[in-house]
């Protein structure tokens, strides 16, 4: 299941600029629920020292480089650093969900929507030029 999720993320286009929330299979929601409730040291290993981090970082870096060469990335932005930050921020989001008590299976869809909204908003308003036409 984790390999399927990585392949899906790696093959996505415009992951940040045009996020979408699709109906996910129950097995994927169960996997996310299990990961969200994993011990903290397991989450650290997953988000900071794993193949998933590298794949996630490469997806974000690809998106940032597209934006850079389209002329919409702020000049002071280091795409590699920002891609790393985006890839590892999921750990902080998981810790936030725990602290807010959002650990039940029923919370999975809300957590997913919040995550997509965070990345989309941060991407648009954190790294893009103010006059960018990206929607």
N, C-alpha and C. Protein backbone atom coordinates (compact mmCIF):
# COMPACT_ATOMS: atom_id res chain seq x y z
N UNK A 1 0.82 -1.20 0.00
CA UNK A 1 0.00 0.00 0.00
C UNK A 1 0.87 1.26 0.00
N UNK A 2 1.94 1.24 0.80
CA UNK A 2 2.82 2.41 0.85
C UNK A 2 3.51 2.62 -0.48
N UNK A 3 3.92 1.54 -1.14
CA UNK A 3 4.53 1.67 -2.46
C UNK A 3 3.55 2.24 -3.47
N UNK A 4 2.29 1.82 -3.44
CA UNK A 4 1.26 2.36 -4.34
C UNK A 4 1.11 3.86 -4.11
N UNK A 5 1.08 4.26 -2.85
CA UNK A 5 0.93 5.68 -2.51
C UNK A 5 2.11 6.50 -3.04
N UNK A 6 3.32 5.96 -2.91
CA UNK A 6 4.51 6.65 -3.40
C UNK A 6 4.48 6.78 -4.92
N UNK A 7 4.10 5.71 -5.61
CA UNK A 7 4.02 5.75 -7.07
C UNK A 7 2.98 6.77 -7.52
N UNK A 8 1.86 6.84 -6.84
CA UNK A 8 0.79 7.78 -7.17
C UNK A 8 1.27 9.21 -7.00
N UNK A 9 1.96 9.48 -5.89
CA UNK A 9 2.49 10.82 -5.64
C UNK A 9 3.53 11.19 -6.67
N UNK A 10 4.43 10.26 -6.97
CA UNK A 10 5.52 10.52 -7.91
C UNK A 10 4.99 10.83 -9.31
N UNK A 11 3.89 10.21 -9.70
CA UNK A 11 3.36 10.40 -11.05
C UNK A 11 2.40 11.59 -11.16
N UNK A 12 2.12 12.26 -10.05
CA UNK A 12 1.15 13.35 -10.09
C UNK A 12 1.74 14.57 -10.80
N UNK A 13 0.89 15.32 -11.45
CA UNK A 13 1.27 16.56 -12.10
C UNK A 13 0.58 17.71 -11.38
N UNK A 14 1.28 18.81 -11.24
CA UNK A 14 0.71 19.99 -10.58
C UNK A 14 0.11 19.64 -9.22
N UNK A 15 0.86 18.87 -8.44
CA UNK A 15 0.41 18.40 -7.14
C UNK A 15 -0.01 19.56 -6.23
N UNK A 16 0.72 20.65 -6.28
CA UNK A 16 0.44 21.77 -5.40
C UNK A 16 -0.43 22.83 -6.06
N UNK A 17 -0.14 23.14 -7.29
CA UNK A 17 -0.86 24.23 -7.94
C UNK A 17 -2.32 23.90 -8.20
N UNK A 18 -2.62 22.66 -8.45
CA UNK A 18 -3.99 22.27 -8.72
C UNK A 18 -4.35 21.04 -7.89
N UNK A 19 -4.43 21.23 -6.57
CA UNK A 19 -4.72 20.08 -5.72
C UNK A 19 -6.15 19.61 -5.93
N UNK A 20 -6.35 18.36 -5.73
CA UNK A 20 -7.71 17.83 -5.80
C UNK A 20 -7.85 16.76 -4.72
N UNK A 21 -9.04 16.66 -4.23
CA UNK A 21 -9.34 15.66 -3.23
C UNK A 21 -10.24 14.64 -3.89
N UNK A 22 -9.68 13.48 -4.14
CA UNK A 22 -10.47 12.45 -4.77
C UNK A 22 -10.96 11.46 -3.72
N UNK A 23 -11.90 10.68 -4.10
CA UNK A 23 -12.39 9.65 -3.20
C UNK A 23 -11.31 8.58 -3.11
N UNK A 24 -10.83 8.37 -1.92
CA UNK A 24 -9.74 7.42 -1.74
C UNK A 24 -10.26 6.07 -1.30
N UNK A 25 -9.58 5.01 -1.72
CA UNK A 25 -10.00 3.68 -1.28
C UNK A 25 -9.93 3.56 0.24
N UNK A 26 -10.77 2.73 0.80
CA UNK A 26 -10.81 2.52 2.25
C UNK A 26 -9.45 2.06 2.76
N UNK A 27 -8.74 1.26 1.98
CA UNK A 27 -7.43 0.77 2.40
C UNK A 27 -6.43 1.92 2.56
N UNK A 28 -6.49 2.91 1.66
CA UNK A 28 -5.60 4.06 1.78
C UNK A 28 -5.95 4.89 3.02
N UNK A 29 -7.23 5.07 3.28
CA UNK A 29 -7.62 5.81 4.50
C UNK A 29 -7.17 5.06 5.75
N UNK A 30 -7.27 3.73 5.72
CA UNK A 30 -6.83 2.92 6.86
C UNK A 30 -5.33 3.05 7.06
N UNK A 31 -4.56 3.05 5.96
CA UNK A 31 -3.11 3.22 6.05
C UNK A 31 -2.77 4.56 6.69
N UNK A 32 -3.41 5.63 6.24
CA UNK A 32 -3.15 6.95 6.80
C UNK A 32 -3.52 7.01 8.28
N UNK A 33 -4.63 6.37 8.64
CA UNK A 33 -5.04 6.31 10.04
C UNK A 33 -3.98 5.58 10.87
N UNK A 34 -3.48 4.48 10.35
CA UNK A 34 -2.45 3.71 11.04
C UNK A 34 -1.18 4.53 11.19
N UNK A 35 -0.75 5.19 10.11
CA UNK A 35 0.46 6.02 10.18
C UNK A 35 0.28 7.17 11.16
N UNK A 36 -0.88 7.81 11.14
CA UNK A 36 -1.12 8.95 12.02
C UNK A 36 -1.03 8.55 13.49
N UNK A 37 -1.31 7.29 13.79
CA UNK A 37 -1.29 6.82 15.17
C UNK A 37 -0.04 5.98 15.49
N UNK A 38 0.91 5.97 14.58
CA UNK A 38 2.16 5.23 14.82
C UNK A 38 2.98 5.95 15.89
N UNK A 39 3.88 5.22 16.54
CA UNK A 39 4.75 5.87 17.53
C UNK A 39 5.55 7.00 16.87
N UNK A 40 5.87 8.01 17.66
CA UNK A 40 6.55 9.20 17.14
C UNK A 40 7.88 8.85 16.46
N UNK A 41 8.64 7.91 17.02
CA UNK A 41 9.92 7.56 16.40
C UNK A 41 9.73 6.91 15.03
N UNK A 42 8.63 6.20 14.83
CA UNK A 42 8.32 5.62 13.52
C UNK A 42 8.00 6.74 12.53
N UNK A 43 7.23 7.72 12.97
CA UNK A 43 6.91 8.85 12.09
C UNK A 43 8.17 9.64 11.72
N UNK A 44 9.06 9.84 12.68
CA UNK A 44 10.32 10.54 12.37
C UNK A 44 11.10 9.80 11.31
N UNK A 45 11.19 8.48 11.44
CA UNK A 45 11.91 7.68 10.46
C UNK A 45 11.24 7.77 9.10
N UNK A 46 9.92 7.75 9.07
CA UNK A 46 9.18 7.82 7.82
C UNK A 46 9.37 9.17 7.13
N UNK A 47 9.21 10.26 7.87
CA UNK A 47 9.22 11.58 7.25
C UNK A 47 10.60 12.21 7.11
N UNK A 48 11.60 11.70 7.83
CA UNK A 48 12.92 12.32 7.76
C UNK A 48 14.01 11.42 7.20
N UNK A 49 13.78 10.14 7.11
CA UNK A 49 14.87 9.28 6.68
C UNK A 49 14.44 8.16 5.78
N UNK A 50 13.51 8.42 4.91
CA UNK A 50 12.98 7.31 4.13
C UNK A 50 12.91 7.62 2.65
N UNK A 51 12.57 6.60 1.92
CA UNK A 51 12.36 6.72 0.48
C UNK A 51 11.17 7.66 0.22
N UNK A 52 10.14 7.61 1.05
CA UNK A 52 8.98 8.48 0.84
C UNK A 52 9.38 9.94 0.89
N UNK A 53 10.26 10.32 1.83
CA UNK A 53 10.69 11.72 1.90
C UNK A 53 11.37 12.13 0.61
N UNK A 54 12.23 11.28 0.07
CA UNK A 54 12.94 11.62 -1.16
C UNK A 54 11.99 11.73 -2.35
N UNK A 55 11.02 10.84 -2.43
CA UNK A 55 10.04 10.91 -3.52
C UNK A 55 9.18 12.16 -3.37
N UNK A 56 8.71 12.42 -2.16
CA UNK A 56 7.90 13.61 -1.92
C UNK A 56 8.69 14.86 -2.24
N UNK A 57 9.95 14.90 -1.79
CA UNK A 57 10.80 16.06 -2.07
C UNK A 57 10.97 16.25 -3.57
N UNK A 58 11.16 15.16 -4.31
CA UNK A 58 11.35 15.28 -5.76
C UNK A 58 10.09 15.80 -6.45
N UNK A 59 8.91 15.42 -5.95
CA UNK A 59 7.65 15.93 -6.52
C UNK A 59 7.57 17.44 -6.31
N UNK A 60 7.86 17.88 -5.09
CA UNK A 60 7.81 19.31 -4.80
C UNK A 60 8.88 20.07 -5.58
N UNK A 61 10.08 19.50 -5.67
CA UNK A 61 11.15 20.18 -6.40
C UNK A 61 10.79 20.32 -7.87
N UNK A 62 10.24 19.30 -8.44
CA UNK A 62 9.80 19.35 -9.84
C UNK A 62 8.79 20.48 -10.03
N UNK A 63 7.83 20.58 -9.12
CA UNK A 63 6.81 21.63 -9.20
C UNK A 63 7.44 23.01 -9.04
N UNK A 64 8.36 23.15 -8.09
CA UNK A 64 9.03 24.44 -7.89
C UNK A 64 9.85 24.84 -9.11
N UNK A 65 10.54 23.89 -9.71
CA UNK A 65 11.34 24.21 -10.88
C UNK A 65 10.46 24.61 -12.07
N UNK A 66 9.30 23.99 -12.21
CA UNK A 66 8.35 24.41 -13.26
C UNK A 66 7.97 25.87 -13.04
N UNK A 67 7.64 26.19 -11.81
CA UNK A 67 7.21 27.55 -11.48
C UNK A 67 8.36 28.53 -11.70
N UNK A 68 9.56 28.12 -11.31
CA UNK A 68 10.73 28.99 -11.49
C UNK A 68 10.93 29.32 -12.96
N UNK A 69 10.90 28.32 -13.82
CA UNK A 69 11.16 28.55 -15.23
C UNK A 69 9.98 29.17 -15.96
N UNK A 70 8.82 29.21 -15.32
CA UNK A 70 7.69 29.95 -15.86
C UNK A 70 7.76 31.41 -15.41
N UNK A 71 8.72 31.73 -14.52
CA UNK A 71 8.92 33.10 -14.06
C UNK A 71 8.03 33.51 -12.90
N UNK A 72 7.40 32.55 -12.23
CA UNK A 72 6.48 32.88 -11.15
C UNK A 72 7.03 32.65 -9.75
N UNK A 73 8.26 32.15 -9.63
CA UNK A 73 8.86 31.90 -8.33
C UNK A 73 9.61 33.14 -7.87
N UNK A 74 9.43 33.51 -6.60
CA UNK A 74 10.18 34.64 -6.06
C UNK A 74 11.66 34.35 -6.16
N UNK A 75 12.46 35.37 -6.47
CA UNK A 75 13.90 35.19 -6.71
C UNK A 75 14.65 34.66 -5.49
N UNK A 76 14.24 35.05 -4.30
CA UNK A 76 14.98 34.67 -3.10
C UNK A 76 14.69 33.24 -2.64
N UNK A 77 13.84 32.53 -3.33
CA UNK A 77 13.46 31.17 -2.95
C UNK A 77 14.50 30.17 -3.45
N UNK A 78 14.98 29.31 -2.55
CA UNK A 78 15.87 28.22 -2.90
C UNK A 78 14.98 26.98 -3.10
N UNK A 79 14.74 26.55 -4.33
CA UNK A 79 13.82 25.44 -4.58
C UNK A 79 14.16 24.16 -3.82
N UNK A 80 15.44 23.84 -3.69
CA UNK A 80 15.82 22.61 -3.00
C UNK A 80 15.47 22.67 -1.51
N UNK A 81 15.75 23.80 -0.88
CA UNK A 81 15.42 23.97 0.54
C UNK A 81 13.91 23.91 0.76
N UNK A 82 13.16 24.61 -0.07
CA UNK A 82 11.70 24.63 0.09
C UNK A 82 11.13 23.24 -0.17
N UNK A 83 11.65 22.52 -1.15
CA UNK A 83 11.18 21.15 -1.41
C UNK A 83 11.42 20.26 -0.19
N UNK A 84 12.57 20.41 0.43
CA UNK A 84 12.87 19.64 1.65
C UNK A 84 11.88 20.01 2.76
N UNK A 85 11.64 21.31 2.92
CA UNK A 85 10.71 21.75 3.96
C UNK A 85 9.31 21.19 3.72
N UNK A 86 8.85 21.24 2.49
CA UNK A 86 7.53 20.70 2.18
C UNK A 86 7.47 19.20 2.46
N UNK A 87 8.53 18.48 2.09
CA UNK A 87 8.54 17.03 2.26
C UNK A 87 8.52 16.62 3.73
N UNK A 88 9.17 17.40 4.58
CA UNK A 88 9.25 17.03 5.99
C UNK A 88 8.19 17.70 6.86
N UNK A 89 7.45 18.64 6.31
CA UNK A 89 6.40 19.31 7.08
C UNK A 89 5.27 18.37 7.47
N UNK A 90 5.09 17.30 6.72
CA UNK A 90 4.02 16.37 7.04
C UNK A 90 4.16 15.83 8.47
N UNK A 91 5.39 15.65 8.92
CA UNK A 91 5.60 15.21 10.31
C UNK A 91 4.96 16.19 11.29
N UNK A 92 5.20 17.49 11.07
CA UNK A 92 4.62 18.50 11.96
C UNK A 92 3.10 18.50 11.90
N UNK A 93 2.57 18.31 10.71
CA UNK A 93 1.11 18.23 10.58
C UNK A 93 0.56 17.04 11.37
N UNK A 94 1.25 15.91 11.29
CA UNK A 94 0.80 14.73 12.03
C UNK A 94 0.84 14.99 13.53
N UNK A 95 1.88 15.67 14.01
CA UNK A 95 1.97 16.00 15.44
C UNK A 95 0.84 16.96 15.83
N UNK A 96 0.53 17.91 14.95
CA UNK A 96 -0.58 18.84 15.20
C UNK A 96 -1.90 18.08 15.31
N UNK A 97 -2.15 17.18 14.37
CA UNK A 97 -3.39 16.41 14.41
C UNK A 97 -3.50 15.62 15.72
N UNK A 98 -2.39 15.07 16.18
CA UNK A 98 -2.40 14.34 17.46
C UNK A 98 -2.75 15.27 18.61
N UNK A 99 -2.07 16.42 18.66
CA UNK A 99 -2.32 17.36 19.76
C UNK A 99 -3.75 17.86 19.77
N UNK A 100 -4.36 17.97 18.60
CA UNK A 100 -5.74 18.43 18.50
C UNK A 100 -6.74 17.29 18.70
N UNK A 101 -6.24 16.08 18.93
CA UNK A 101 -7.12 14.94 19.16
C UNK A 101 -7.75 14.38 17.90
N UNK A 102 -7.16 14.68 16.76
CA UNK A 102 -7.72 14.23 15.48
C UNK A 102 -7.04 12.91 15.07
N UNK A 103 -7.31 11.86 15.82
CA UNK A 103 -6.63 10.59 15.60
C UNK A 103 -7.56 9.46 15.20
N UNK A 104 -8.85 9.72 15.14
CA UNK A 104 -9.79 8.64 14.81
C UNK A 104 -9.85 8.42 13.30
N UNK A 105 -10.34 7.27 12.94
CA UNK A 105 -10.50 6.93 11.53
C UNK A 105 -11.42 7.94 10.84
N UNK A 106 -12.42 8.41 11.55
CA UNK A 106 -13.38 9.37 10.99
C UNK A 106 -12.73 10.73 10.69
N UNK A 107 -11.62 11.03 11.34
CA UNK A 107 -10.93 12.31 11.12
C UNK A 107 -10.05 12.30 9.87
N UNK A 108 -9.88 11.16 9.24
CA UNK A 108 -8.94 11.02 8.12
C UNK A 108 -9.24 11.98 6.98
N UNK A 109 -10.49 12.11 6.59
CA UNK A 109 -10.83 12.99 5.46
C UNK A 109 -10.58 14.45 5.81
N UNK A 110 -10.94 14.86 7.03
CA UNK A 110 -10.70 16.24 7.44
C UNK A 110 -9.20 16.53 7.47
N UNK A 111 -8.41 15.61 8.01
CA UNK A 111 -6.95 15.80 8.04
C UNK A 111 -6.39 15.91 6.63
N UNK A 112 -6.90 15.11 5.71
CA UNK A 112 -6.44 15.16 4.32
C UNK A 112 -6.76 16.52 3.70
N UNK A 113 -7.98 17.01 3.92
CA UNK A 113 -8.37 18.31 3.38
C UNK A 113 -7.53 19.43 3.98
N UNK A 114 -7.28 19.36 5.28
CA UNK A 114 -6.46 20.38 5.93
C UNK A 114 -5.04 20.36 5.38
N UNK A 115 -4.50 19.17 5.15
CA UNK A 115 -3.14 19.03 4.61
C UNK A 115 -3.05 19.63 3.22
N UNK A 116 -3.99 19.29 2.36
CA UNK A 116 -3.98 19.82 0.99
C UNK A 116 -4.13 21.33 1.01
N UNK A 117 -5.03 21.84 1.85
CA UNK A 117 -5.23 23.29 1.96
C UNK A 117 -3.95 23.97 2.46
N UNK A 118 -3.29 23.38 3.45
CA UNK A 118 -2.05 23.96 3.97
C UNK A 118 -1.00 24.05 2.87
N UNK A 119 -0.74 22.94 2.19
CA UNK A 119 0.29 22.94 1.16
C UNK A 119 -0.06 23.90 0.02
N UNK A 120 -1.30 23.87 -0.39
CA UNK A 120 -1.71 24.74 -1.49
C UNK A 120 -1.58 26.20 -1.10
N UNK A 121 -2.06 26.57 0.07
CA UNK A 121 -1.98 27.97 0.52
C UNK A 121 -0.54 28.41 0.74
N UNK A 122 0.25 27.58 1.39
CA UNK A 122 1.63 27.92 1.67
C UNK A 122 2.42 28.06 0.37
N UNK A 123 2.15 27.16 -0.56
CA UNK A 123 2.83 27.20 -1.85
C UNK A 123 2.49 28.49 -2.58
N UNK A 124 1.22 28.79 -2.67
CA UNK A 124 0.79 29.97 -3.43
C UNK A 124 1.26 31.26 -2.79
N UNK A 125 1.12 31.39 -1.48
CA UNK A 125 1.38 32.66 -0.83
C UNK A 125 2.76 32.76 -0.20
N UNK A 126 3.51 31.64 -0.19
CA UNK A 126 4.83 31.66 0.41
C UNK A 126 5.96 31.76 -0.58
N UNK A 127 5.79 31.22 -1.78
CA UNK A 127 6.91 31.18 -2.70
C UNK A 127 6.63 31.85 -4.04
N UNK A 128 5.39 32.09 -4.35
CA UNK A 128 5.06 32.69 -5.64
C UNK A 128 5.16 34.20 -5.59
N UNK A 129 5.49 34.79 -6.71
CA UNK A 129 5.50 36.24 -6.81
C UNK A 129 4.08 36.75 -6.60
N UNK A 130 3.92 37.93 -6.02
CA UNK A 130 2.59 38.47 -5.77
C UNK A 130 1.72 38.61 -7.04
N UNK A 131 2.35 38.85 -8.16
CA UNK A 131 1.58 39.05 -9.40
C UNK A 131 1.44 37.77 -10.22
N UNK A 132 1.74 36.62 -9.62
CA UNK A 132 1.65 35.34 -10.32
C UNK A 132 0.23 35.07 -10.76
N UNK A 133 0.09 34.49 -11.94
CA UNK A 133 -1.22 34.16 -12.49
C UNK A 133 -1.63 32.72 -12.22
N UNK A 134 -0.84 32.01 -11.45
CA UNK A 134 -1.15 30.60 -11.15
C UNK A 134 -2.38 30.53 -10.27
N UNK A 135 -3.28 29.66 -10.65
CA UNK A 135 -4.52 29.50 -9.86
C UNK A 135 -4.43 28.31 -8.97
